[in-house]
N, C-alpha and C. Protein backbone atom coordinates (compact mmCIF):
# COMPACT_ATOMS: atom_id res chain seq x y z
N MET A 1 -18.04 3.16 33.90
CA MET A 1 -18.71 3.06 32.63
C MET A 1 -17.66 3.01 31.51
N LYS A 2 -17.83 2.08 30.58
CA LYS A 2 -16.90 1.88 29.49
C LYS A 2 -17.17 2.90 28.38
N THR A 3 -16.11 3.55 27.90
CA THR A 3 -16.29 4.52 26.82
C THR A 3 -16.20 3.80 25.49
N THR A 4 -16.68 4.44 24.44
CA THR A 4 -16.62 3.84 23.11
C THR A 4 -15.19 3.77 22.59
N MET A 5 -14.28 4.60 23.14
CA MET A 5 -12.89 4.55 22.70
C MET A 5 -12.28 3.20 23.05
N ASN A 6 -12.72 2.59 24.15
CA ASN A 6 -12.20 1.30 24.57
C ASN A 6 -13.02 0.14 24.03
N LYS A 7 -14.18 0.44 23.49
CA LYS A 7 -15.05 -0.61 22.97
C LYS A 7 -14.44 -1.14 21.67
N PRO A 8 -14.26 -2.46 21.56
CA PRO A 8 -13.64 -3.00 20.35
C PRO A 8 -14.56 -2.85 19.13
N ILE A 9 -13.94 -2.87 18.00
CA ILE A 9 -14.67 -2.78 16.74
C ILE A 9 -15.54 -4.03 16.58
N SER A 10 -16.74 -3.86 16.04
CA SER A 10 -17.63 -5.01 15.84
C SER A 10 -17.34 -5.66 14.49
N ASN A 11 -17.80 -6.89 14.31
CA ASN A 11 -17.63 -7.59 13.03
C ASN A 11 -18.30 -6.83 11.90
N LEU A 12 -19.46 -6.25 12.18
CA LEU A 12 -20.17 -5.46 11.18
C LEU A 12 -19.34 -4.24 10.77
N GLN A 13 -18.72 -3.57 11.73
CA GLN A 13 -17.87 -2.42 11.43
C GLN A 13 -16.64 -2.84 10.62
N ILE A 14 -16.06 -3.99 10.96
CA ILE A 14 -14.89 -4.48 10.21
C ILE A 14 -15.26 -4.66 8.74
N LYS A 15 -16.40 -5.29 8.49
CA LYS A 15 -16.86 -5.50 7.11
C LYS A 15 -17.11 -4.16 6.42
N ALA A 16 -17.70 -3.22 7.15
CA ALA A 16 -17.99 -1.90 6.58
C ALA A 16 -16.70 -1.14 6.25
N VAL A 17 -15.70 -1.22 7.12
CA VAL A 17 -14.42 -0.53 6.86
C VAL A 17 -13.77 -1.13 5.61
N HIS A 18 -13.74 -2.46 5.52
CA HIS A 18 -13.16 -3.12 4.34
C HIS A 18 -13.90 -2.70 3.07
N ALA A 19 -15.21 -2.74 3.10
CA ALA A 19 -16.01 -2.40 1.92
C ALA A 19 -15.83 -0.94 1.53
N THR A 20 -15.84 -0.05 2.51
CA THR A 20 -15.71 1.38 2.23
C THR A 20 -14.34 1.72 1.68
N LEU A 21 -13.30 1.13 2.26
CA LEU A 21 -11.95 1.38 1.74
C LEU A 21 -11.81 0.79 0.34
N GLY A 22 -12.43 -0.36 0.11
CA GLY A 22 -12.41 -0.97 -1.22
C GLY A 22 -13.04 -0.08 -2.28
N LYS A 23 -14.09 0.65 -1.90
CA LYS A 23 -14.75 1.54 -2.85
C LYS A 23 -13.86 2.69 -3.29
N ILE A 24 -12.90 3.06 -2.45
CA ILE A 24 -11.99 4.15 -2.85
C ILE A 24 -10.66 3.59 -3.35
N GLY A 25 -10.62 2.27 -3.60
CA GLY A 25 -9.45 1.66 -4.23
C GLY A 25 -8.38 1.18 -3.29
N ILE A 26 -8.67 1.09 -2.00
CA ILE A 26 -7.68 0.59 -1.05
C ILE A 26 -8.08 -0.84 -0.69
N ASN A 27 -7.49 -1.80 -1.43
CA ASN A 27 -7.82 -3.20 -1.24
C ASN A 27 -6.67 -4.01 -0.65
N ASP A 28 -5.45 -3.52 -0.82
CA ASP A 28 -4.27 -4.20 -0.32
C ASP A 28 -4.19 -4.04 1.20
N SER A 29 -3.91 -5.11 1.92
CA SER A 29 -3.90 -5.04 3.39
C SER A 29 -2.84 -4.08 3.92
N GLY A 30 -1.65 -4.09 3.32
CA GLY A 30 -0.61 -3.17 3.77
C GLY A 30 -1.00 -1.72 3.58
N GLU A 31 -1.57 -1.44 2.41
CA GLU A 31 -2.03 -0.08 2.12
C GLU A 31 -3.17 0.31 3.06
N ARG A 32 -4.08 -0.64 3.32
CA ARG A 32 -5.20 -0.39 4.22
C ARG A 32 -4.70 -0.07 5.64
N HIS A 33 -3.74 -0.85 6.13
CA HIS A 33 -3.23 -0.64 7.48
C HIS A 33 -2.48 0.69 7.59
N GLU A 34 -1.75 1.02 6.53
CA GLU A 34 -1.04 2.30 6.53
C GLU A 34 -2.03 3.47 6.53
N TYR A 35 -3.07 3.36 5.73
CA TYR A 35 -4.10 4.39 5.65
C TYR A 35 -4.78 4.56 7.01
N LEU A 36 -5.16 3.44 7.63
CA LEU A 36 -5.83 3.49 8.92
C LEU A 36 -4.90 4.01 10.02
N SER A 37 -3.62 3.67 9.93
CA SER A 37 -2.64 4.17 10.91
C SER A 37 -2.52 5.68 10.82
N GLN A 38 -2.49 6.19 9.59
CA GLN A 38 -2.42 7.64 9.43
C GLN A 38 -3.69 8.30 9.94
N PHE A 39 -4.81 7.69 9.68
CA PHE A 39 -6.09 8.26 10.09
C PHE A 39 -6.21 8.29 11.62
N THR A 40 -5.82 7.20 12.28
CA THR A 40 -5.98 7.11 13.73
C THR A 40 -4.83 7.74 14.51
N GLY A 41 -3.68 7.89 13.84
CA GLY A 41 -2.52 8.45 14.53
C GLY A 41 -1.77 7.42 15.37
N ARG A 42 -2.06 6.15 15.14
CA ARG A 42 -1.34 5.09 15.84
C ARG A 42 -1.21 3.89 14.90
N THR A 43 -0.35 2.96 15.25
CA THR A 43 -0.11 1.81 14.38
C THR A 43 -1.31 0.88 14.37
N ILE A 44 -1.76 0.58 13.16
CA ILE A 44 -2.86 -0.36 12.96
C ILE A 44 -2.31 -1.50 12.10
N ASN A 45 -2.23 -2.69 12.67
CA ASN A 45 -1.74 -3.86 11.94
C ASN A 45 -2.87 -4.72 11.42
N SER A 46 -4.07 -4.43 11.87
CA SER A 46 -5.28 -5.14 11.45
C SER A 46 -6.46 -4.21 11.72
N VAL A 47 -7.49 -4.30 10.92
CA VAL A 47 -8.68 -3.50 11.15
C VAL A 47 -9.22 -3.78 12.56
N LYS A 48 -9.00 -5.00 13.04
CA LYS A 48 -9.46 -5.40 14.37
C LYS A 48 -8.77 -4.60 15.49
N ASP A 49 -7.65 -3.94 15.17
CA ASP A 49 -6.94 -3.12 16.17
C ASP A 49 -7.68 -1.82 16.47
N MET A 50 -8.63 -1.46 15.62
CA MET A 50 -9.35 -0.20 15.79
C MET A 50 -10.42 -0.32 16.86
N SER A 51 -10.77 0.80 17.45
CA SER A 51 -11.88 0.83 18.40
C SER A 51 -13.17 1.08 17.61
N SER A 52 -14.28 0.88 18.26
CA SER A 52 -15.57 1.14 17.64
C SER A 52 -15.71 2.61 17.25
N GLN A 53 -15.23 3.49 18.12
CA GLN A 53 -15.30 4.93 17.85
C GLN A 53 -14.46 5.30 16.63
N GLU A 54 -13.26 4.74 16.53
CA GLU A 54 -12.40 5.03 15.37
C GLU A 54 -13.06 4.54 14.08
N ALA A 55 -13.66 3.36 14.14
CA ALA A 55 -14.35 2.83 12.96
C ALA A 55 -15.51 3.74 12.55
N ASN A 56 -16.30 4.17 13.53
CA ASN A 56 -17.41 5.07 13.22
C ASN A 56 -16.92 6.37 12.58
N ARG A 57 -15.81 6.89 13.11
CA ARG A 57 -15.28 8.15 12.60
C ARG A 57 -14.79 8.01 11.16
N ILE A 58 -14.03 6.96 10.88
CA ILE A 58 -13.51 6.80 9.51
C ILE A 58 -14.65 6.50 8.53
N LEU A 59 -15.63 5.72 8.96
CA LEU A 59 -16.76 5.42 8.08
C LEU A 59 -17.56 6.67 7.76
N SER A 60 -17.74 7.53 8.74
CA SER A 60 -18.51 8.75 8.49
C SER A 60 -17.75 9.69 7.57
N VAL A 61 -16.44 9.78 7.74
CA VAL A 61 -15.63 10.65 6.87
C VAL A 61 -15.63 10.11 5.44
N LEU A 62 -15.40 8.81 5.28
CA LEU A 62 -15.30 8.23 3.94
C LEU A 62 -16.64 8.22 3.21
N LYS A 63 -17.72 8.07 3.92
CA LYS A 63 -19.03 8.05 3.27
C LYS A 63 -19.46 9.43 2.80
N LYS A 64 -18.88 10.48 3.37
CA LYS A 64 -19.19 11.85 2.94
C LYS A 64 -18.49 12.20 1.64
N GLU A 65 -17.37 11.52 1.37
CA GLU A 65 -16.60 11.82 0.17
C GLU A 65 -17.18 11.05 -1.01
N PRO A 66 -17.66 11.76 -2.04
CA PRO A 66 -18.19 11.05 -3.20
C PRO A 66 -17.05 10.35 -3.96
N VAL A 67 -17.36 9.20 -4.50
CA VAL A 67 -16.36 8.46 -5.27
C VAL A 67 -16.38 8.96 -6.70
N ASP A 68 -15.33 9.62 -7.08
CA ASP A 68 -15.19 10.18 -8.41
C ASP A 68 -14.75 9.07 -9.38
N PRO A 69 -15.47 8.86 -10.49
CA PRO A 69 -15.09 7.82 -11.45
C PRO A 69 -13.65 7.99 -11.96
N ALA A 70 -13.20 9.23 -12.11
CA ALA A 70 -11.82 9.47 -12.55
C ALA A 70 -10.82 8.94 -11.53
N LYS A 71 -11.17 9.07 -10.23
CA LYS A 71 -10.28 8.54 -9.19
C LYS A 71 -10.20 7.03 -9.25
N ARG A 72 -11.32 6.38 -9.59
CA ARG A 72 -11.31 4.92 -9.72
C ARG A 72 -10.38 4.50 -10.84
N ILE A 73 -10.44 5.21 -11.97
CA ILE A 73 -9.56 4.89 -13.09
C ILE A 73 -8.11 5.10 -12.68
N MET A 74 -7.83 6.22 -12.01
CA MET A 74 -6.48 6.50 -11.54
C MET A 74 -6.04 5.42 -10.56
N SER A 75 -6.97 5.00 -9.71
CA SER A 75 -6.65 3.98 -8.73
C SER A 75 -6.28 2.67 -9.43
N GLN A 76 -7.02 2.31 -10.47
CA GLN A 76 -6.71 1.09 -11.22
C GLN A 76 -5.35 1.23 -11.90
N GLU A 77 -5.08 2.39 -12.47
CA GLU A 77 -3.79 2.63 -13.10
C GLU A 77 -2.67 2.55 -12.07
N ALA A 78 -2.91 3.10 -10.88
CA ALA A 78 -1.92 3.04 -9.81
C ALA A 78 -1.67 1.59 -9.40
N ARG A 79 -2.72 0.80 -9.25
CA ARG A 79 -2.55 -0.61 -8.89
C ARG A 79 -1.75 -1.35 -9.95
N ASN A 80 -2.03 -1.06 -11.21
CA ASN A 80 -1.27 -1.69 -12.30
C ASN A 80 0.21 -1.32 -12.22
N LEU A 81 0.49 -0.05 -11.96
CA LEU A 81 1.88 0.39 -11.86
C LEU A 81 2.58 -0.25 -10.66
N VAL A 82 1.89 -0.37 -9.54
CA VAL A 82 2.48 -1.02 -8.37
C VAL A 82 2.81 -2.47 -8.70
N GLY A 83 1.94 -3.15 -9.43
CA GLY A 83 2.21 -4.53 -9.85
C GLY A 83 3.44 -4.61 -10.74
N GLU A 84 3.58 -3.65 -11.65
CA GLU A 84 4.74 -3.63 -12.53
C GLU A 84 6.01 -3.36 -11.73
N ILE A 85 5.93 -2.44 -10.77
CA ILE A 85 7.08 -2.12 -9.91
C ILE A 85 7.46 -3.35 -9.10
N TYR A 86 6.47 -4.05 -8.58
CA TYR A 86 6.72 -5.26 -7.80
C TYR A 86 7.45 -6.29 -8.66
N ALA A 87 6.99 -6.50 -9.89
CA ALA A 87 7.64 -7.46 -10.79
C ALA A 87 9.07 -7.03 -11.11
N LEU A 88 9.28 -5.74 -11.34
CA LEU A 88 10.63 -5.24 -11.63
C LEU A 88 11.57 -5.45 -10.44
N SER A 89 11.03 -5.38 -9.23
CA SER A 89 11.87 -5.50 -8.04
C SER A 89 12.61 -6.84 -7.99
N PHE A 90 12.06 -7.88 -8.61
CA PHE A 90 12.72 -9.19 -8.60
C PHE A 90 13.95 -9.22 -9.51
N LYS A 91 14.11 -8.22 -10.33
CA LYS A 91 15.28 -8.14 -11.21
C LYS A 91 16.37 -7.29 -10.60
N ILE A 92 16.14 -6.78 -9.39
CA ILE A 92 17.12 -5.94 -8.71
C ILE A 92 17.63 -6.72 -7.50
N PRO A 93 18.85 -7.27 -7.61
CA PRO A 93 19.34 -8.16 -6.56
C PRO A 93 19.34 -7.58 -5.14
N PHE A 94 19.69 -6.32 -4.98
CA PHE A 94 19.75 -5.76 -3.63
C PHE A 94 18.37 -5.50 -3.04
N LEU A 95 17.34 -5.59 -3.85
CA LEU A 95 15.99 -5.31 -3.36
C LEU A 95 15.24 -6.58 -2.98
N ASN A 96 15.29 -7.59 -3.82
CA ASN A 96 14.59 -8.85 -3.55
C ASN A 96 15.48 -10.03 -3.89
N LYS A 97 16.67 -10.02 -3.34
CA LYS A 97 17.70 -11.00 -3.66
C LYS A 97 17.27 -12.46 -3.47
N ASP A 98 16.70 -12.78 -2.32
CA ASP A 98 16.41 -14.18 -2.00
C ASP A 98 14.95 -14.56 -2.16
N TYR A 99 14.20 -13.79 -2.92
CA TYR A 99 12.77 -14.06 -3.07
C TYR A 99 12.43 -14.31 -4.52
N SER A 100 11.36 -15.07 -4.71
CA SER A 100 10.83 -15.25 -6.06
C SER A 100 9.39 -14.76 -6.05
N GLU A 101 8.80 -14.69 -7.20
CA GLU A 101 7.42 -14.21 -7.29
C GLU A 101 6.41 -15.25 -6.80
N LEU A 102 6.87 -16.45 -6.46
CA LEU A 102 5.97 -17.53 -6.05
C LEU A 102 6.07 -17.81 -4.55
N GLU A 103 6.29 -16.79 -3.77
CA GLU A 103 6.43 -16.96 -2.32
C GLU A 103 5.08 -16.92 -1.63
N SER A 104 5.10 -17.13 -0.33
CA SER A 104 3.89 -17.13 0.49
C SER A 104 3.33 -15.71 0.61
N PRO A 105 2.08 -15.57 1.07
CA PRO A 105 1.52 -14.23 1.27
C PRO A 105 2.35 -13.37 2.22
N GLU A 106 2.95 -14.00 3.21
CA GLU A 106 3.81 -13.25 4.15
C GLU A 106 5.03 -12.70 3.43
N ASP A 107 5.61 -13.51 2.53
CA ASP A 107 6.78 -13.05 1.77
C ASP A 107 6.40 -11.91 0.83
N VAL A 108 5.21 -12.01 0.24
CA VAL A 108 4.73 -10.94 -0.64
C VAL A 108 4.62 -9.63 0.15
N GLU A 109 4.06 -9.70 1.36
CA GLU A 109 3.94 -8.50 2.20
C GLU A 109 5.32 -7.96 2.57
N MET A 110 6.26 -8.86 2.86
CA MET A 110 7.63 -8.44 3.19
C MET A 110 8.27 -7.75 1.99
N ASN A 111 8.06 -8.30 0.80
CA ASN A 111 8.61 -7.68 -0.40
C ASN A 111 8.02 -6.30 -0.62
N LYS A 112 6.72 -6.15 -0.40
CA LYS A 112 6.08 -4.84 -0.54
C LYS A 112 6.68 -3.86 0.45
N ALA A 113 6.90 -4.32 1.68
CA ALA A 113 7.48 -3.44 2.69
C ALA A 113 8.90 -3.03 2.30
N LYS A 114 9.67 -3.96 1.74
CA LYS A 114 11.03 -3.63 1.32
C LYS A 114 11.02 -2.60 0.19
N ILE A 115 10.12 -2.78 -0.75
CA ILE A 115 10.00 -1.82 -1.85
C ILE A 115 9.60 -0.45 -1.31
N SER A 116 8.63 -0.43 -0.42
CA SER A 116 8.17 0.83 0.16
C SER A 116 9.28 1.52 0.94
N SER A 117 10.04 0.74 1.68
CA SER A 117 11.18 1.29 2.43
C SER A 117 12.20 1.88 1.46
N TRP A 118 12.44 1.18 0.38
CA TRP A 118 13.39 1.65 -0.63
C TRP A 118 12.90 2.95 -1.27
N THR A 119 11.59 3.01 -1.60
CA THR A 119 11.08 4.22 -2.24
C THR A 119 11.14 5.42 -1.29
N LYS A 120 10.96 5.17 0.01
CA LYS A 120 11.04 6.28 0.98
C LYS A 120 12.46 6.83 1.05
N ARG A 121 13.44 6.00 0.81
CA ARG A 121 14.83 6.45 0.92
C ARG A 121 15.41 6.94 -0.41
N TYR A 122 15.04 6.29 -1.52
CA TYR A 122 15.76 6.54 -2.76
C TYR A 122 14.95 7.10 -3.93
N SER A 123 13.63 7.08 -3.86
CA SER A 123 12.87 7.66 -4.97
C SER A 123 12.88 9.18 -4.87
N LYS A 124 12.56 9.83 -5.95
CA LYS A 124 12.55 11.30 -5.95
C LYS A 124 11.54 11.88 -4.99
N CYS A 125 10.38 11.24 -4.86
CA CYS A 125 9.33 11.80 -4.00
C CYS A 125 9.49 11.40 -2.53
N ARG A 126 10.34 10.43 -2.23
CA ARG A 126 10.62 10.01 -0.85
C ARG A 126 9.36 9.66 -0.05
N LYS A 127 8.49 8.84 -0.66
CA LYS A 127 7.23 8.44 -0.03
C LYS A 127 7.12 6.93 -0.06
N PRO A 128 6.31 6.38 0.86
CA PRO A 128 5.98 4.96 0.72
C PRO A 128 5.16 4.77 -0.56
N ILE A 129 5.30 3.65 -1.16
CA ILE A 129 4.67 3.40 -2.46
C ILE A 129 3.15 3.57 -2.41
N SER A 130 2.54 3.27 -1.28
CA SER A 130 1.08 3.36 -1.16
C SER A 130 0.57 4.80 -1.11
N ARG A 131 1.45 5.76 -0.96
CA ARG A 131 1.05 7.17 -0.90
C ARG A 131 1.42 7.95 -2.16
N MET A 132 1.91 7.25 -3.18
CA MET A 132 2.36 7.92 -4.40
C MET A 132 1.22 8.15 -5.38
N THR A 133 1.37 9.21 -6.14
CA THR A 133 0.45 9.48 -7.24
C THR A 133 0.83 8.60 -8.42
N VAL A 134 -0.01 8.56 -9.43
CA VAL A 134 0.29 7.79 -10.63
C VAL A 134 1.59 8.29 -11.27
N ASP A 135 1.78 9.60 -11.33
CA ASP A 135 3.00 10.15 -11.91
C ASP A 135 4.24 9.74 -11.12
N GLU A 136 4.13 9.74 -9.80
CA GLU A 136 5.26 9.33 -8.96
C GLU A 136 5.55 7.84 -9.13
N LEU A 137 4.50 7.03 -9.23
CA LEU A 137 4.70 5.59 -9.46
C LEU A 137 5.37 5.35 -10.80
N TYR A 138 4.95 6.09 -11.80
CA TYR A 138 5.58 5.95 -13.12
C TYR A 138 7.06 6.31 -13.05
N ALA A 139 7.40 7.36 -12.30
CA ALA A 139 8.81 7.76 -12.15
C ALA A 139 9.61 6.67 -11.44
N VAL A 140 9.02 6.02 -10.44
CA VAL A 140 9.71 4.92 -9.74
C VAL A 140 9.94 3.76 -10.70
N LYS A 141 8.94 3.47 -11.52
CA LYS A 141 9.07 2.39 -12.50
C LYS A 141 10.24 2.67 -13.45
N ILE A 142 10.34 3.90 -13.92
CA ILE A 142 11.45 4.29 -14.80
C ILE A 142 12.78 4.18 -14.05
N GLN A 143 12.80 4.64 -12.80
CA GLN A 143 14.01 4.57 -11.99
C GLN A 143 14.46 3.11 -11.83
N MET A 144 13.52 2.21 -11.60
CA MET A 144 13.87 0.80 -11.45
C MET A 144 14.36 0.20 -12.76
N ARG A 145 13.75 0.58 -13.85
CA ARG A 145 14.23 0.11 -15.16
C ARG A 145 15.66 0.58 -15.42
N ASP A 146 15.95 1.82 -15.04
CA ASP A 146 17.31 2.35 -15.20
C ASP A 146 18.31 1.56 -14.36
N ILE A 147 17.92 1.19 -13.15
CA ILE A 147 18.78 0.39 -12.27
C ILE A 147 19.03 -0.98 -12.90
N ILE A 148 17.99 -1.59 -13.42
CA ILE A 148 18.12 -2.91 -14.06
C ILE A 148 19.05 -2.82 -15.27
N THR A 149 18.90 -1.77 -16.07
CA THR A 149 19.77 -1.57 -17.22
C THR A 149 21.22 -1.43 -16.78
N ALA A 150 21.47 -0.67 -15.74
CA ALA A 150 22.84 -0.48 -15.24
C ALA A 150 23.41 -1.81 -14.73
N ILE A 151 22.59 -2.60 -14.05
CA ILE A 151 23.05 -3.91 -13.54
C ILE A 151 23.37 -4.85 -14.71
N LYS A 152 22.52 -4.82 -15.74
CA LYS A 152 22.76 -5.66 -16.92
C LYS A 152 24.08 -5.28 -17.58
N ARG A 153 24.35 -3.99 -17.68
CA ARG A 153 25.61 -3.53 -18.28
C ARG A 153 26.82 -4.09 -17.54
N LYS A 154 26.66 -4.23 -16.22
CA LYS A 154 27.75 -4.75 -15.40
C LYS A 154 27.75 -6.28 -15.38
N GLY A 155 26.74 -6.89 -16.05
CA GLY A 155 26.67 -8.35 -16.13
C GLY A 155 26.03 -9.01 -14.94
N GLY A 156 25.17 -8.29 -14.19
CA GLY A 156 24.60 -8.85 -12.97
C GLY A 156 23.21 -9.42 -13.07
N VAL A 157 22.42 -9.11 -14.10
CA VAL A 157 21.05 -9.60 -14.21
C VAL A 157 20.85 -10.23 -15.58
N GLN A 158 20.15 -11.35 -15.60
CA GLN A 158 19.86 -12.03 -16.87
C GLN A 158 18.62 -11.45 -17.51
């Protein structure tokens, strides 16, 4: 007899996971996969990697949590800060040296991963960017501006 742990996620569950995560402000695929990986305790590269049981569990947990309007505002502010950090990263040669802002979706995801890797190693909070609070994101933005200023002083960025 097949258990639900081995039963693949259904298309209806995939849509429900996307919609439910979207309601709490997790719309970016990288952030979604990281969130689901933490929840399941294993690497999730696509919602389709989840089992039916895992989908049911996360949906039941997330539906119990009321969506606080203040969290939505914070979430929007966080998304705005991440966008600003992403744009600043193109002015830092060692971070996004060979990329432009007009790359393919795969390049965008690679750039996000590079930024997240950098924040885990060099930011004060030592977290991936998708797990930072608004205050931590603001601190990273300031840190990146300081790096850009230092590079400009040395004549490295236009």
